[in-house]
Amino acid sequence: MTAPPQAPAVLQLPGLVAAGLRHGFTTRAHGDFAWPALQDDAGRARLAALGEEVGFDPTLLGTPQPAHRVGGA
């Protein structure tokens, strides 16, 4: 039996890093970061670990909501 693969490092864009913006993109391997999934101890622990890796305070986290434009102009 083989060990499960490790979650990859948080993905970051070099241009944003160079600009000094703290950011990161996670994959499914990092777990669920949807708001409801962050409301229990396990979710808060995942968010704290992400904050440690990227360098942000999880209590100050802002998350964008996708905006989809329907139709033209």
PDB file of N, CA and C in Angstrom:
ATOM      1  N   MET A   1       0.846  -1.183   0.000  1.00  0.00           N
ATOM      2  CA  MET A   1       0.000   0.000   0.000  1.00  0.00           C
ATOM      3  C   MET A   1       0.887   1.241   0.000  1.00  0.00           C
ATOM      4  N   THR A   2       0.530   2.222  -0.817  1.00  0.00           N
ATOM      5  CA  THR A   2       1.333   3.445  -0.892  1.00  0.00           C
ATOM      6  C   THR A   2       0.677   4.553  -0.078  1.00  0.00           C
ATOM      7  N   ALA A   3       1.494   5.472   0.351  1.00  0.00           N
ATOM      8  CA  ALA A   3       0.986   6.612   1.126  1.00  0.00           C
ATOM      9  C   ALA A   3       0.232   7.548   0.201  1.00  0.00           C
ATOM     10  N   PRO A   4      -0.793   8.232   0.727  1.00  0.00           N
ATOM     11  CA  PRO A   4      -1.508   9.195  -0.114  1.00  0.00           C
ATOM     12  C   PRO A   4      -0.586  10.344  -0.494  1.00  0.00           C
ATOM     13  N   PRO A   5      -0.811  10.939  -1.676  1.00  0.00           N
ATOM     14  CA  PRO A   5       0.053  12.063  -2.079  1.00  0.00           C
ATOM     15  C   PRO A   5      -0.138  13.248  -1.154  1.00  0.00           C
ATOM     16  N   GLN A   6       0.919  14.005  -0.970  1.00  0.00           N
ATOM     17  CA  GLN A   6       0.858  15.207  -0.149  1.00  0.00           C
ATOM     18  C   GLN A   6       0.158  16.320  -0.940  1.00  0.00           C
ATOM     19  N   ALA A   7      -0.518  17.169  -0.239  1.00  0.00           N
ATOM     20  CA  ALA A   7      -1.134  18.329  -0.891  1.00  0.00           C
ATOM     21  C   ALA A   7      -0.031  19.213  -1.449  1.00  0.00           C
ATOM     22  N   PRO A   8      -0.198  19.700  -2.667  1.00  0.00           N
ATOM     23  CA  PRO A   8       0.831  20.591  -3.224  1.00  0.00           C
ATOM     24  C   PRO A   8       0.881  21.899  -2.444  1.00  0.00           C
ATOM     25  N   ALA A   9       1.976  22.588  -2.593  1.00  0.00           N
ATOM     26  CA  ALA A   9       2.091  23.904  -1.963  1.00  0.00           C
ATOM     27  C   ALA A   9       0.980  24.797  -2.496  1.00  0.00           C
ATOM     28  N   VAL A  10       0.647  25.802  -1.748  1.00  0.00           N
ATOM     29  CA  VAL A  10      -0.344  26.777  -2.212  1.00  0.00           C
ATOM     30  C   VAL A  10       0.196  27.407  -3.487  1.00  0.00           C
ATOM     31  N   LEU A  11      -0.656  27.518  -4.485  1.00  0.00           N
ATOM     32  CA  LEU A  11      -0.254  28.093  -5.761  1.00  0.00           C
ATOM     33  C   LEU A  11      -0.326  29.611  -5.674  1.00  0.00           C
ATOM     34  N   GLN A  12       0.737  30.268  -6.131  1.00  0.00           N
ATOM     35  CA  GLN A  12       0.790  31.719  -6.107  1.00  0.00           C
ATOM     36  C   GLN A  12       1.277  32.243  -7.444  1.00  0.00           C
ATOM     37  N   LEU A  13       0.811  33.424  -7.815  1.00  0.00           N
ATOM     38  CA  LEU A  13       1.226  34.057  -9.060  1.00  0.00           C
ATOM     39  C   LEU A  13       2.452  34.932  -8.806  1.00  0.00           C
ATOM     40  N   PRO A  14       3.528  34.706  -9.552  1.00  0.00           N
ATOM     41  CA  PRO A  14       4.765  35.460  -9.329  1.00  0.00           C
ATOM     42  C   PRO A  14       4.579  36.973  -9.372  1.00  0.00           C
ATOM     43  N   GLY A  15       3.747  37.465 -10.271  1.00  0.00           N
ATOM     44  CA  GLY A  15       3.534  38.910 -10.367  1.00  0.00           C
ATOM     45  C   GLY A  15       2.895  39.488  -9.117  1.00  0.00           C
ATOM     46  N   LEU A  16       1.952  38.745  -8.531  1.00  0.00           N
ATOM     47  CA  LEU A  16       1.312  39.219  -7.299  1.00  0.00           C
ATOM     48  C   LEU A  16       2.271  39.125  -6.115  1.00  0.00           C
ATOM     49  N   VAL A  17       3.095  38.079  -6.103  1.00  0.00           N
ATOM     50  CA  VAL A  17       4.109  37.954  -5.043  1.00  0.00           C
ATOM     51  C   VAL A  17       5.075  39.132  -5.141  1.00  0.00           C
ATOM     52  N   ALA A  18       5.529  39.446  -6.366  1.00  0.00           N
ATOM     53  CA  ALA A  18       6.467  40.556  -6.574  1.00  0.00           C
ATOM     54  C   ALA A  18       5.859  41.889  -6.152  1.00  0.00           C
ATOM     55  N   ALA A  19       4.532  42.006  -6.289  1.00  0.00           N
ATOM     56  CA  ALA A  19       3.843  43.241  -5.897  1.00  0.00           C
ATOM     57  C   ALA A  19       3.575  43.293  -4.395  1.00  0.00           C
ATOM     58  N   GLY A  20       3.920  42.228  -3.698  1.00  0.00           N
ATOM     59  CA  GLY A  20       3.739  42.207  -2.252  1.00  0.00           C
ATOM     60  C   GLY A  20       2.335  41.829  -1.796  1.00  0.00           C
ATOM     61  N   LEU A  21       1.541  41.263  -2.703  1.00  0.00           N
ATOM     62  CA  LEU A  21       0.176  40.879  -2.342  1.00  0.00           C
ATOM     63  C   LEU A  21       0.148  39.444  -1.822  1.00  0.00           C
ATOM     64  N   ARG A  22      -0.362  39.277  -0.632  1.00  0.00           N
ATOM     65  CA  ARG A  22      -0.502  37.942  -0.061  1.00  0.00           C
ATOM     66  C   ARG A  22      -1.731  37.286  -0.677  1.00  0.00           C
ATOM     67  N   HIS A  23      -1.523  36.156  -1.263  1.00  0.00           N
ATOM     68  CA  HIS A  23      -2.616  35.464  -1.928  1.00  0.00           C
ATOM     69  C   HIS A  23      -2.247  33.994  -2.070  1.00  0.00           C
ATOM     70  N   GLY A  24      -3.198  33.207  -2.440  1.00  0.00           N
ATOM     71  CA  GLY A  24      -2.925  31.805  -2.706  1.00  0.00           C
ATOM     72  C   GLY A  24      -4.146  31.128  -3.289  1.00  0.00           C
ATOM     73  N   PHE A  25      -3.884  30.147  -4.108  1.00  0.00           N
ATOM     74  CA  PHE A  25      -4.932  29.327  -4.691  1.00  0.00           C
ATOM     75  C   PHE A  25      -4.723  27.913  -4.188  1.00  0.00           C
ATOM     76  N   THR A  26      -5.773  27.311  -3.710  1.00  0.00           N
ATOM     77  CA  THR A  26      -5.671  25.954  -3.197  1.00  0.00           C
ATOM     78  C   THR A  26      -6.293  24.981  -4.186  1.00  0.00           C
ATOM     79  N   THR A  27      -5.975  23.725  -3.982  1.00  0.00           N
ATOM     80  CA  THR A  27      -6.577  22.655  -4.761  1.00  0.00           C
ATOM     81  C   THR A  27      -7.439  21.815  -3.830  1.00  0.00           C
ATOM     82  N   ARG A  28      -8.155  20.884  -4.374  1.00  0.00           N
ATOM     83  CA  ARG A  28      -8.987  20.004  -3.541  1.00  0.00           C
ATOM     84  C   ARG A  28      -8.166  19.261  -2.496  1.00  0.00           C
ATOM     85  N   ALA A  29      -6.895  19.050  -2.789  1.00  0.00           N
ATOM     86  CA  ALA A  29      -6.027  18.346  -1.840  1.00  0.00           C
ATOM     87  C   ALA A  29      -5.903  19.098  -0.518  1.00  0.00           C
ATOM     88  N   HIS A  30      -6.129  20.406  -0.525  1.00  0.00           N
ATOM     89  CA  HIS A  30      -6.051  21.209   0.694  1.00  0.00           C
ATOM     90  C   HIS A  30      -7.319  21.114   1.538  1.00  0.00           C
ATOM     91  N   GLY A  31      -8.388  20.596   0.974  1.00  0.00           N
ATOM     92  CA  GLY A  31      -9.642  20.501   1.715  1.00  0.00           C
ATOM     93  C   GLY A  31     -10.631  21.558   1.258  1.00  0.00           C
ATOM     94  N   ASP A  32     -11.756  21.569   1.917  1.00  0.00           N
ATOM     95  CA  ASP A  32     -12.865  22.450   1.556  1.00  0.00           C
ATOM     96  C   ASP A  32     -12.731  23.784   2.282  1.00  0.00           C
ATOM     97  N   PHE A  33     -12.677  24.873   1.524  1.00  0.00           N
ATOM     98  CA  PHE A  33     -12.604  26.201   2.117  1.00  0.00           C
ATOM     99  C   PHE A  33     -13.886  26.998   1.909  1.00  0.00           C
ATOM    100  N   ALA A  34     -14.964  26.307   1.530  1.00  0.00           N
ATOM    101  CA  ALA A  34     -16.258  26.982   1.421  1.00  0.00           C
ATOM    102  C   ALA A  34     -16.664  27.458   2.809  1.00  0.00           C
ATOM    103  N   TRP A  35     -17.342  28.590   2.869  1.00  0.00           N
ATOM    104  CA  TRP A  35     -17.698  29.191   4.156  1.00  0.00           C
ATOM    105  C   TRP A  35     -18.326  28.193   5.134  1.00  0.00           C
ATOM    106  N   PRO A  36     -19.311  27.389   4.738  1.00  0.00           N
ATOM    107  CA  PRO A  36     -19.895  26.444   5.714  1.00  0.00           C
ATOM    108  C   PRO A  36     -18.874  25.450   6.263  1.00  0.00           C
ATOM    109  N   ALA A  37     -17.906  25.068   5.439  1.00  0.00           N
ATOM    110  CA  ALA A  37     -16.902  24.087   5.879  1.00  0.00           C
ATOM    111  C   ALA A  37     -15.880  24.692   6.839  1.00  0.00           C
ATOM    112  N   LEU A  38     -15.853  26.006   6.952  1.00  0.00           N
ATOM    113  CA  LEU A  38     -14.902  26.667   7.851  1.00  0.00           C
ATOM    114  C   LEU A  38     -15.507  26.962   9.220  1.00  0.00           C
ATOM    115  N   GLN A  39     -16.726  26.524   9.445  1.00  0.00           N
ATOM    116  CA  GLN A  39     -17.421  26.857  10.683  1.00  0.00           C
ATOM    117  C   GLN A  39     -17.210  25.847  11.808  1.00  0.00           C
ATOM    118  N   ASP A  40     -16.455  24.779  11.546  1.00  0.00           N
ATOM    119  CA  ASP A  40     -16.176  23.819  12.617  1.00  0.00           C
ATOM    120  C   ASP A  40     -14.672  23.835  12.929  1.00  0.00           C
ATOM    121  N   ASP A  41     -14.278  23.073  13.940  1.00  0.00           N
ATOM    122  CA  ASP A  41     -12.877  23.083  14.367  1.00  0.00           C
ATOM    123  C   ASP A  41     -11.929  22.638  13.259  1.00  0.00           C
ATOM    124  N   ALA A  42     -12.309  21.609  12.504  1.00  0.00           N
ATOM    125  CA  ALA A  42     -11.443  21.108  11.427  1.00  0.00           C
ATOM    126  C   ALA A  42     -11.270  22.179  10.350  1.00  0.00           C
ATOM    127  N   GLY A  43     -12.346  22.866  10.004  1.00  0.00           N
ATOM    128  CA  GLY A  43     -12.263  23.927   9.003  1.00  0.00           C
ATOM    129  C   GLY A  43     -11.408  25.086   9.461  1.00  0.00           C
ATOM    130  N   ARG A  44     -11.573  25.479  10.716  1.00  0.00           N
ATOM    131  CA  ARG A  44     -10.754  26.577  11.251  1.00  0.00           C
ATOM    132  C   ARG A  44      -9.276  26.180  11.293  1.00  0.00           C
ATOM    133  N   ALA A  45      -8.997  24.902  11.573  1.00  0.00           N
ATOM    134  CA  ALA A  45      -7.607  24.435  11.586  1.00  0.00           C
ATOM    135  C   ALA A  45      -7.013  24.481  10.176  1.00  0.00           C
ATOM    136  N   ARG A  46      -7.803  24.082   9.159  1.00  0.00           N
ATOM    137  CA  ARG A  46      -7.324  24.159   7.770  1.00  0.00           C
ATOM    138  C   ARG A  46      -7.026  25.607   7.389  1.00  0.00           C
ATOM    139  N   LEU A  47      -7.920  26.514   7.761  1.00  0.00           N
ATOM    140  CA  LEU A  47      -7.734  27.922   7.433  1.00  0.00           C
ATOM    141  C   LEU A  47      -6.517  28.494   8.158  1.00  0.00           C
ATOM    142  N   ALA A  48      -6.321  28.116   9.403  1.00  0.00           N
ATOM    143  CA  ALA A  48      -5.149  28.584  10.157  1.00  0.00           C
ATOM    144  C   ALA A  48      -3.860  28.085   9.504  1.00  0.00           C
ATOM    145  N   ALA A  49      -3.847  26.825   9.048  1.00  0.00           N
ATOM    146  CA  ALA A  49      -2.664  26.280   8.382  1.00  0.00           C
ATOM    147  C   ALA A  49      -2.402  27.011   7.072  1.00  0.00           C
ATOM    148  N   LEU A  50      -3.456  27.326   6.338  1.00  0.00           N
ATOM    149  CA  LEU A  50      -3.302  28.085   5.096  1.00  0.00           C
ATOM    150  C   LEU A  50      -2.756  29.479   5.399  1.00  0.00           C
ATOM    151  N   GLY A  51      -3.279  30.130   6.433  1.00  0.00           N
ATOM    152  CA  GLY A  51      -2.791  31.449   6.823  1.00  0.00           C
ATOM    153  C   GLY A  51      -1.319  31.421   7.186  1.00  0.00           C
ATOM    154  N   GLU A  52      -0.917  30.375   7.871  1.00  0.00           N
ATOM    155  CA  GLU A  52       0.493  30.229   8.242  1.00  0.00           C
ATOM    156  C   GLU A  52       1.366  30.078   6.994  1.00  0.00           C
ATOM    157  N   GLU A  53       0.896  29.275   6.048  1.00  0.00           N
ATOM    158  CA  GLU A  53       1.685  29.032   4.840  1.00  0.00           C
ATOM    159  C   GLU A  53       1.792  30.273   3.957  1.00  0.00           C
ATOM    160  N   VAL A  54       0.692  31.000   3.806  1.00  0.00           N
ATOM    161  CA  VAL A  54       0.673  32.166   2.923  1.00  0.00           C
ATOM    162  C   VAL A  54       1.131  33.427   3.648  1.00  0.00           C
ATOM    163  N   GLY A  55       0.893  33.496   4.956  1.00  0.00           N
ATOM    164  CA  GLY A  55       1.305  34.661   5.726  1.00  0.00           C
ATOM    165  C   GLY A  55       0.200  35.676   5.927  1.00  0.00           C
ATOM    166  N   PHE A  56      -0.998  35.205   6.277  1.00  0.00           N
ATOM    167  CA  PHE A  56      -2.098  36.130   6.548  1.00  0.00           C
ATOM    168  C   PHE A  56      -2.811  35.724   7.823  1.00  0.00           C
ATOM    169  N   ASP A  57      -3.525  36.664   8.405  1.00  0.00           N
ATOM    170  CA  ASP A  57      -4.323  36.430   9.595  1.00  0.00           C
ATOM    171  C   ASP A  57      -5.694  35.929   9.141  1.00  0.00           C
ATOM    172  N   PRO A  58      -6.043  34.674   9.437  1.00  0.00           N
ATOM    173  CA  PRO A  58      -7.313  34.116   8.972  1.00  0.00           C
ATOM    174  C   PRO A  58      -8.542  34.895   9.445  1.00  0.00           C
ATOM    175  N   THR A  59      -8.407  35.647  10.530  1.00  0.00           N
ATOM    176  CA  THR A  59      -9.563  36.414  11.002  1.00  0.00           C
ATOM    177  C   THR A  59      -9.834  37.628  10.123  1.00  0.00           C
ATOM    178  N   LEU A  60      -8.873  37.978   9.258  1.00  0.00           N
ATOM    179  CA  LEU A  60      -9.024  39.131   8.367  1.00  0.00           C
ATOM    180  C   LEU A  60      -9.235  38.708   6.914  1.00  0.00           C
ATOM    181  N   LEU A  61      -9.533  37.442   6.706  1.00  0.00           N
ATOM    182  CA  LEU A  61      -9.657  36.893   5.359  1.00  0.00           C
ATOM    183  C   LEU A  61     -10.835  37.486   4.601  1.00  0.00           C
ATOM    184  N   GLY A  62     -10.600  37.830   3.356  1.00  0.00           N
ATOM    185  CA  GLY A  62     -11.659  38.225   2.443  1.00  0.00           C
ATOM    186  C   GLY A  62     -11.711  37.223   1.311  1.00  0.00           C
ATOM    187  N   THR A  63     -12.892  36.783   0.963  1.00  0.00           N
ATOM    188  CA  THR A  63     -13.021  35.827  -0.135  1.00  0.00           C
ATOM    189  C   THR A  63     -13.950  36.386  -1.193  1.00  0.00           C
ATOM    190  N   PRO A  64     -13.487  36.388  -2.430  1.00  0.00           N
ATOM    191  CA  PRO A  64     -14.342  36.902  -3.507  1.00  0.00           C
ATOM    192  C   PRO A  64     -15.458  35.931  -3.847  1.00  0.00           C
ATOM    193  N   GLN A  65     -16.557  36.470  -4.271  1.00  0.00           N
ATOM    194  CA  GLN A  65     -17.663  35.647  -4.771  1.00  0.00           C
ATOM    195  C   GLN A  65     -17.665  35.784  -6.287  1.00  0.00           C
ATOM    196  N   PRO A  66     -17.770  34.655  -7.001  1.00  0.00           N
ATOM    197  CA  PRO A  66     -17.785  34.756  -8.458  1.00  0.00           C
ATOM    198  C   PRO A  66     -18.980  35.565  -8.951  1.00  0.00           C
ATOM    199  N   ALA A  67     -18.742  36.365  -9.937  1.00  0.00           N
ATOM    200  CA  ALA A  67     -19.828  37.137 -10.560  1.00  0.00           C
ATOM    201  C   ALA A  67     -19.903  36.715 -12.015  1.00  0.00           C
ATOM    202  N   HIS A  68     -21.038  36.261 -12.416  1.00  0.00           N
ATOM    203  CA  HIS A  68     -21.230  35.801 -13.787  1.00  0.00           C
ATOM    204  C   HIS A  68     -22.181  36.741 -14.499  1.00  0.00           C
ATOM    205  N   ARG A  69     -21.725  37.215 -15.597  1.00  0.00           N
ATOM    206  CA  ARG A  69     -22.530  38.144 -16.377  1.00  0.00           C
ATOM    207  C   ARG A  69     -23.308  37.351 -17.422  1.00  0.00           C
ATOM    208  N   VAL A  70     -24.581  37.557 -17.454  1.00  0.00           N
ATOM    209  CA  VAL A  70     -25.434  36.874 -18.413  1.00  0.00           C
ATOM    210  C   VAL A  70     -25.885  37.879 -19.462  1.00  0.00           C
ATOM    211  N   GLY A  71     -25.787  37.502 -20.709  1.00  0.00           N
ATOM    212  CA  GLY A  71     -26.226  38.389 -21.777  1.00  0.00           C
ATOM    213  C   GLY A  71     -25.111  39.284 -22.282  1.00  0.00           C
ATOM    214  N   GLY A  72     -25.448  40.189 -23.137  1.00  0.00           N
ATOM    215  CA  GLY A  72     -24.464  41.082 -23.738  1.00  0.00           C
ATOM    216  C   GLY A  72     -24.299  42.366 -22.960  1.00  0.00           C
ATOM    217  N   ALA A  73     -23.411  43.169 -23.476  1.00  0.00           N
ATOM    218  CA  ALA A  73     -23.068  44.488 -22.953  1.00  0.00           C
ATOM    219  C   ALA A  73     -23.439  44.576 -21.528  1.00  0.00           C
TER     220      ALA A  73
END
